[in-house]
Protein backbone atom coordinates (compact mmCIF):
# COMPACT_ATOMS: atom_id res chain seq x y z
CA MET A 1 -20.95 -12.45 -6.44
CA PRO A 2 -21.49 -13.29 -2.76
CA ALA A 3 -19.44 -11.21 -0.37
CA VAL A 4 -16.88 -12.88 1.88
CA GLN A 5 -17.59 -12.87 5.63
CA PRO A 6 -15.86 -14.12 8.80
CA PRO A 7 -14.84 -16.81 9.65
CA CYS A 8 -13.69 -17.32 6.05
CA LYS A 9 -10.02 -17.97 5.38
CA VAL A 10 -8.08 -15.26 3.50
CA LEU A 11 -4.68 -15.61 1.82
CA VAL A 12 -2.47 -12.51 2.20
CA SER A 13 0.65 -12.46 0.02
CA GLY A 14 3.78 -10.66 1.22
CA ALA A 15 2.29 -10.79 4.71
CA ASN A 16 5.33 -9.29 6.45
CA GLY A 17 5.13 -6.05 4.43
CA TYR A 18 4.25 -2.63 5.85
CA ILE A 19 0.71 -2.64 4.41
CA ALA A 20 0.10 -6.39 4.39
CA ILE A 21 0.79 -6.95 8.08
CA TRP A 22 -1.92 -4.40 8.95
CA VAL A 23 -4.27 -6.25 6.55
CA VAL A 24 -3.50 -9.50 8.40
CA ARG A 25 -4.14 -7.85 11.77
CA THR A 26 -7.41 -6.25 10.65
CA LEU A 27 -8.68 -9.52 9.19
CA LEU A 28 -7.86 -11.44 12.37
CA GLU A 29 -9.48 -8.77 14.56
CA LYS A 30 -12.67 -9.08 12.51
CA GLY A 31 -12.82 -12.86 12.94
CA TYR A 32 -11.26 -14.13 9.72
CA SER A 33 -8.68 -16.88 9.48
CA VAL A 34 -5.51 -15.79 7.68
CA ARG A 35 -2.82 -17.62 5.74
CA GLY A 36 0.11 -15.31 5.04
CA THR A 37 2.95 -15.88 2.61
CA VAL A 38 6.53 -14.69 3.19
CA ARG A 39 9.74 -15.17 1.18
CA SER A 40 11.72 -17.00 3.86
CA GLU A 41 11.28 -18.80 7.17
CA ASP A 42 13.08 -16.06 9.12
CA LYS A 43 10.51 -13.51 7.90
CA ALA A 44 7.75 -15.71 9.38
CA VAL A 45 9.07 -15.51 12.95
CA HIS A 46 7.81 -11.99 13.72
CA LEU A 47 4.36 -12.74 12.26
CA ARG A 48 3.97 -15.89 14.33
CA GLN A 49 4.96 -14.04 17.49
CA LEU A 50 2.78 -10.99 16.80
CA PHE A 51 -0.36 -13.03 16.09
CA SER A 52 0.28 -16.01 18.40
CA SER A 53 -2.89 -15.29 20.40
CA TYR A 54 -5.01 -16.21 17.35
CA GLY A 55 -3.85 -19.83 17.44
CA ASP A 56 -4.68 -21.86 14.35
CA LYS A 57 -6.66 -18.99 12.84
CA HIS A 58 -3.29 -17.60 11.71
CA GLU A 59 -0.71 -19.49 9.66
CA VAL A 60 2.37 -18.46 7.70
CA ILE A 61 3.83 -20.33 4.74
CA VAL A 62 6.96 -19.70 2.68
CA VAL A 63 6.74 -18.77 -1.02
CA GLU A 64 10.36 -18.12 -1.86
CA ASP A 65 9.96 -16.67 -5.35
CA ILE A 66 6.61 -15.18 -6.36
CA THR A 67 7.73 -15.03 -10.01
CA LYS A 68 8.08 -18.83 -10.34
CA GLU A 69 5.44 -20.75 -12.27
CA GLY A 70 3.00 -22.24 -9.79
CA ALA A 71 4.51 -20.40 -6.82
CA PHE A 72 1.10 -19.91 -5.17
CA ASP A 73 -0.48 -23.26 -6.18
CA GLU A 74 -0.39 -24.68 -2.64
CA ALA A 75 -1.08 -21.35 -0.94
CA VAL A 76 -4.47 -20.82 -2.61
CA LYS A 77 -5.90 -24.21 -1.71
CA GLY A 78 -8.77 -24.02 0.74
CA VAL A 79 -8.97 -20.22 1.03
CA ASP A 80 -12.13 -18.19 0.41
CA ALA A 81 -10.44 -14.96 -0.71
CA ILE A 82 -7.04 -13.55 -1.64
CA GLU A 83 -5.41 -10.24 -0.73
CA HIS A 84 -2.43 -9.86 -3.07
CA THR A 85 -0.11 -7.17 -1.72
CA ALA A 86 3.33 -8.60 -2.59
CA SER A 87 5.15 -6.28 -5.01
CA PRO A 88 8.52 -4.52 -4.84
CA PHE A 89 8.49 -0.83 -3.84
CA HIS A 90 11.82 0.96 -3.93
CA MET A 91 13.51 3.70 -5.90
CA ASN A 92 16.90 2.18 -6.65
CA ALA A 93 16.28 -0.22 -9.54
CA ASP A 94 18.84 -0.10 -12.35
CA ASP A 95 17.01 -2.17 -14.95
CA PRO A 96 13.23 -1.39 -14.91
CA ASN A 97 12.60 -5.14 -15.12
CA GLU A 98 13.92 -5.51 -11.57
CA LEU A 99 10.56 -4.03 -10.54
CA ILE A 100 8.35 -4.89 -13.50
CA ILE A 101 8.96 -8.66 -13.71
CA PRO A 102 8.19 -9.53 -10.06
CA ALA A 103 5.24 -7.12 -9.99
CA VAL A 104 3.63 -8.53 -13.15
CA ASN A 105 4.57 -12.20 -12.75
CA GLY A 106 3.65 -12.25 -9.06
CA THR A 107 0.22 -10.78 -9.80
CA VAL A 108 -0.57 -12.97 -12.79
CA GLY A 109 0.92 -15.98 -11.02
CA ILE A 110 -1.40 -15.78 -8.03
CA LEU A 111 -4.39 -15.34 -10.36
CA LYS A 112 -3.32 -18.41 -12.36
CA SER A 113 -3.07 -20.40 -9.14
CA ALA A 114 -6.53 -19.20 -8.14
CA VAL A 115 -7.93 -20.47 -11.44
CA LYS A 116 -6.24 -23.88 -11.10
CA TYR A 117 -6.53 -24.62 -7.39
CA GLY A 118 -8.67 -21.92 -5.78
CA GLN A 119 -12.00 -23.71 -6.06
CA SER A 120 -13.33 -22.06 -2.90
CA VAL A 121 -12.06 -18.53 -3.76
CA LYS A 122 -14.83 -15.97 -4.17
CA ARG A 123 -12.88 -12.71 -4.43
CA VAL A 124 -9.34 -11.53 -5.14
CA VAL A 125 -8.26 -8.05 -4.01
CA VAL A 126 -5.06 -6.74 -5.60
CA THR A 127 -3.09 -3.81 -4.18
CA SER A 128 -2.21 -1.54 -7.07
CA SER A 129 -1.38 2.14 -6.57
CA ALA A 130 -2.35 5.64 -7.53
CA ALA A 131 0.99 5.42 -9.38
CA ALA A 132 -0.89 3.41 -12.00
CA ILE A 133 -3.37 6.29 -12.45
CA LEU A 134 -1.58 9.64 -12.19
CA ARG A 135 0.65 11.47 -14.62
CA ASP A 136 2.96 14.40 -13.95
CA SER A 137 1.43 17.63 -15.20
CA PRO A 138 2.47 21.28 -14.97
CA THR A 139 -1.14 22.25 -14.21
CA PRO A 140 -3.48 20.98 -11.45
CA SER A 141 -5.30 17.79 -12.46
CA VAL A 142 -7.90 15.53 -10.85
CA PHE A 143 -7.66 11.82 -11.66
CA SER A 144 -10.27 9.08 -11.46
CA GLU A 145 -10.41 5.32 -11.93
CA LEU A 146 -10.82 5.93 -15.67
CA ASP A 147 -7.24 7.22 -15.90
CA TRP A 148 -4.14 5.12 -16.60
CA ASN A 149 -0.52 6.19 -16.26
CA GLU A 150 0.70 5.83 -19.83
CA GLN A 151 3.35 8.50 -19.18
CA CYS A 152 5.55 6.16 -17.13
CA LEU A 153 5.28 3.41 -19.74
CA GLU A 154 6.44 5.79 -22.44
CA SER A 155 9.33 6.97 -20.24
CA VAL A 156 10.56 3.44 -19.53
CA LYS A 157 10.12 2.34 -23.14
CA GLU A 158 12.04 5.35 -24.42
CA LYS A 159 14.79 5.61 -21.77
CA GLY A 160 15.10 2.11 -20.28
CA ARG A 161 17.71 2.11 -17.51
CA GLU A 162 18.04 5.90 -17.86
CA ALA A 163 14.38 6.48 -16.97
CA PRO A 164 13.81 8.21 -13.60
CA ASN A 165 13.49 5.67 -10.77
CA VAL A 166 10.00 6.87 -9.93
CA MET A 167 8.94 6.11 -13.52
CA LYS A 168 10.32 2.57 -13.23
CA TYR A 169 8.26 2.01 -10.09
CA ARG A 170 5.12 3.53 -11.60
CA ALA A 171 5.55 1.36 -14.69
CA SER A 172 5.72 -1.78 -12.53
CA LYS A 173 2.43 -0.91 -10.83
CA THR A 174 0.72 0.09 -14.07
CA LEU A 175 1.77 -3.03 -15.98
CA ALA A 176 0.93 -5.34 -13.08
CA GLU A 177 -2.55 -3.88 -12.76
CA LYS A 178 -3.17 -3.97 -16.50
CA ALA A 179 -2.08 -7.62 -16.49
CA ALA A 180 -4.49 -8.41 -13.64
CA TRP A 181 -7.48 -6.92 -15.43
CA GLU A 182 -6.55 -8.57 -18.72
CA PHE A 183 -6.25 -11.96 -17.03
CA TRP A 184 -9.54 -11.61 -15.19
CA ASN A 185 -11.44 -10.37 -18.22
CA THR A 186 -10.14 -13.35 -20.20
CA HIS A 187 -11.21 -15.91 -17.57
CA LYS A 188 -14.16 -14.35 -15.72
CA ALA A 189 -16.82 -16.31 -17.60
CA SER A 190 -15.39 -19.63 -16.39
CA ILE A 191 -14.25 -18.91 -12.81
CA GLY A 192 -15.99 -18.54 -9.46
CA TRP A 193 -14.26 -15.40 -8.22
CA ASP A 194 -14.22 -11.74 -9.11
CA LEU A 195 -11.47 -9.11 -8.93
CA THR A 196 -11.20 -5.85 -7.00
CA VAL A 197 -8.21 -3.52 -7.31
CA LEU A 198 -7.35 -0.86 -4.73
CA ASN A 199 -5.29 2.16 -5.81
CA PRO A 200 -3.96 3.89 -2.69
CA SER A 201 -2.10 7.19 -2.70
CA TYR A 202 0.99 7.66 -0.47
CA VAL A 203 0.73 5.43 2.62
CA PHE A 204 1.84 6.67 6.04
CA GLY A 205 1.22 5.64 9.65
CA PRO A 206 2.69 3.46 12.40
CA ALA A 207 4.44 0.20 11.55
CA ILE A 208 3.93 -3.24 13.08
CA ASN A 209 6.30 -5.11 10.78
CA ALA A 210 9.70 -6.26 12.02
CA ALA A 211 11.65 -3.07 11.31
CA THR A 212 14.70 -2.79 13.57
CA ALA A 213 15.69 0.60 12.10
CA PRO A 214 13.86 3.34 10.17
CA SER A 215 15.48 2.10 6.95
CA GLY A 216 13.46 -1.10 7.32
CA LEU A 217 10.13 0.71 7.29
CA GLY A 218 9.57 0.71 3.55
CA THR A 219 9.84 3.59 1.11
CA SER A 220 6.98 5.93 2.04
CA ALA A 221 7.19 5.27 5.80
CA ASN A 222 10.95 5.86 5.76
CA MET A 223 10.41 9.19 3.98
CA PHE A 224 8.03 10.20 6.76
CA TYR A 225 10.69 9.43 9.36
CA ASN A 226 13.34 11.40 7.50
CA TYR A 227 11.25 14.54 6.99
CA VAL A 228 9.05 14.63 10.10
CA ALA A 229 11.21 13.09 12.85
CA HIS A 230 14.57 14.74 12.13
CA PRO A 231 15.30 18.21 13.55
CA ASN A 232 16.49 19.45 10.13
CA SER A 233 14.23 17.17 8.05
CA ASN A 234 17.34 15.32 6.85
CA GLY A 235 18.58 18.46 5.16
CA ALA A 236 15.38 19.28 3.24
CA THR A 237 14.78 22.97 2.57
CA ASN A 238 11.74 24.85 3.86
CA GLU A 239 10.67 25.35 0.26
CA PHE A 240 10.77 21.58 -0.31
CA LEU A 241 8.74 20.87 2.83
CA ALA A 242 6.08 23.41 1.86
CA SER A 243 5.80 22.40 -1.79
CA VAL A 244 6.28 18.61 -1.94
CA GLY A 245 3.32 16.33 -1.26
CA THR A 246 0.32 14.89 -3.08
CA ALA A 247 -2.41 12.70 -1.57
CA TRP A 248 -2.18 10.18 1.28
CA ILE A 249 -3.88 7.49 3.35
CA ASP A 250 -3.15 6.01 6.78
CA VAL A 251 -1.94 2.40 6.53
CA ARG A 252 -4.62 1.31 9.01
CA ASP A 253 -7.38 2.85 6.89
CA LEU A 254 -5.94 1.14 3.82
CA ALA A 255 -6.06 -2.18 5.69
CA GLU A 256 -9.69 -1.47 6.57
CA ALA A 257 -10.40 -0.76 2.88
CA HIS A 258 -8.85 -4.12 2.00
CA VAL A 259 -11.17 -5.98 4.34
CA ILE A 260 -14.29 -4.06 3.29
CA SER A 261 -13.36 -4.82 -0.35
CA LEU A 262 -13.79 -8.51 0.45
CA GLU A 263 -17.16 -7.99 2.09
CA LYS A 264 -18.97 -5.57 -0.20
CA GLU A 265 -20.56 -7.28 -3.18
CA ALA A 266 -20.49 -3.98 -5.11
CA ALA A 267 -16.67 -3.92 -4.97
CA GLY A 268 -16.41 -6.89 -7.34
CA GLY A 269 -15.04 -5.95 -10.75
CA GLU A 270 -14.11 -2.46 -9.56
CA ARG A 271 -10.94 -0.39 -9.55
CA ILE A 272 -11.07 1.89 -6.48
CA ILE A 273 -8.89 4.88 -5.54
CA VAL A 274 -8.45 5.12 -1.75
CA SER A 275 -7.11 8.42 -0.45
CA ALA A 276 -7.78 10.54 2.64
CA GLY A 277 -6.86 13.86 1.04
CA LEU A 278 -4.01 16.22 0.25
CA TRP A 279 -0.77 16.90 2.11
CA LYS A 280 2.54 18.68 2.05
CA TRP A 281 5.39 17.65 4.36
CA GLN A 282 4.87 20.91 6.26
CA ASP A 283 1.37 19.70 7.27
CA PHE A 284 2.77 16.66 9.07
CA ILE A 285 5.54 18.77 10.63
CA ASP A 286 3.00 21.30 11.92
CA ALA A 287 0.89 18.45 13.33
CA ALA A 288 3.97 16.97 15.04
CA ASN A 289 4.67 20.27 16.78
CA THR A 290 1.19 20.38 18.34
CA ILE A 291 1.66 17.09 20.20
CA SER A 292 1.75 17.55 23.97
CA PRO A 293 3.91 16.44 25.59
CA PRO A 294 6.35 16.40 22.66
CA PRO A 295 7.54 12.92 21.63
CA LYS A 296 11.00 11.94 22.89
CA LEU A 297 12.91 10.92 19.77
CA ALA A 298 16.45 9.64 19.43
CA THR A 299 16.92 12.18 16.63
CA GLY A 300 16.94 14.94 19.24
CA GLY A 301 13.78 16.84 18.36
CA LEU A 302 11.29 17.85 15.71
CA PRO A 303 11.77 20.01 12.62
CA LYS A 304 9.91 23.32 12.32
CA GLY A 305 10.14 24.10 8.63
CA ASN A 306 8.04 27.15 7.86
CA PRO A 307 4.94 26.77 10.06
CA GLY A 308 1.65 27.27 8.22
CA ALA A 309 3.22 27.08 4.76
CA GLY A 310 1.54 23.75 3.90
CA THR A 311 -1.83 22.86 2.39
CA GLY A 312 -3.80 25.68 4.00
CA HIS A 313 -1.50 28.46 2.76
CA PRO A 314 -2.98 30.64 -0.03
CA SER A 315 0.07 30.16 -2.24
CA THR A 316 0.09 26.34 -1.98
CA VAL A 317 -0.52 24.49 -5.24
CA HIS A 318 -1.47 20.82 -5.55
CA LEU A 319 -0.75 19.54 -9.04
CA LEU A 320 -2.74 16.37 -8.57
CA ASN A 321 -5.75 15.16 -6.67
CA TYR A 322 -8.10 12.20 -6.93
CA ASP A 323 -11.82 11.75 -7.33
CA THR A 324 -12.63 9.38 -4.45
CA ALA A 325 -16.40 9.26 -4.97
CA LYS A 326 -16.34 5.55 -5.84
CA ALA A 327 -14.53 4.63 -2.60
CA ALA A 328 -17.01 6.71 -0.60
CA ARG A 329 -19.96 5.04 -2.32
CA ILE A 330 -18.76 1.42 -2.15
CA LEU A 331 -16.38 1.21 0.80
CA GLY A 332 -17.34 4.10 3.09
CA VAL A 333 -13.98 4.14 4.91
CA LYS A 334 -13.66 6.77 7.64
CA TYR A 335 -10.18 8.24 7.18
CA ARG A 336 -7.85 9.31 9.96
CA THR A 337 -6.61 12.90 10.03
CA ILE A 338 -3.06 14.15 9.53
CA ALA A 339 -2.96 14.95 13.25
CA GLU A 340 -4.01 11.42 14.28
CA THR A 341 -1.57 9.70 11.94
CA THR A 342 1.31 11.96 12.94
CA LYS A 343 0.71 11.47 16.68
CA ASP A 344 0.47 7.68 16.39
CA THR A 345 3.49 7.40 14.09
CA LEU A 346 5.74 9.47 16.34
CA ALA A 347 4.54 7.47 19.36
CA ASP A 348 5.60 4.34 17.47
CA TYR A 349 9.07 5.81 16.89
CA GLU A 350 9.35 6.75 20.56
CA ALA A 351 8.35 3.25 21.65
CA ARG A 352 11.00 1.76 19.35
CA GLY A 353 13.69 4.07 20.70
CA TRP A 354 14.12 5.91 17.40
């Protein structure tokens, strides 16, 4: 399949989201035109202001309910590629279907619209997650694109509402991605576009979405604020800070991966894990304490935890890691370091008066 290049027009769903808004910015900076979808007119205001300098190369339209039949029919018309990022990410669902239905129906819905009305579409990139790949294990494991998280599906099937919240979220990502591949494999012989799926690990880094308080940052970014920007890490123990953490990627590098996934022909038909490496909360805390001068935060100062007890400590165990050889081969993203991401994120908090 031919790769997509500027000045092509790209549709970005959920464009006001933490990841998506960086995708929009990166696309615009590289010369693409962008049409973003949001759920309501008030969510469009910040996007229009932020990207006003791009004139008619940036537009925002309202898609109120991504689960409705034909929700994206108008949105896909006249675009050359689609970045589908819209999917709920939170840990307080009661019924698993609160997460599963919008994740699955939104993903399949935008693909259906692309089949019906996306005559000019050449590639669709879907944001999945490493949550659709990993499984909890008592022993260290390395996962690749060949792995699927069947564990969360079993948990939700067996326990329903009583399943752990993290399992409900993982199930939504797993089922949505499975549905995407099933749909594409069923239709690929008769359509003009191919599918790429990105599976990022935990996403951290500065925000440019319209968050007026840390609680509006999104799940992973809000966790970062709570553990790295509070003097007592929001009550977390030193043991927790030294032992909790898996793999991560800076949101700006993930946005870069999204754009490269449109451009590289070899990315078509591929599922790609994107991850910069391993972390424990203590690693980000240690990085925060090396910043000079120290950031001035409304929280009153930085936590210390147990310095040096993170990833580099001899006793540290990582129960999961990812084989990122495919991303290196196809995408070639240069990842930011923990130090860079921490410095930029805390500078963002300082600028916001947090």
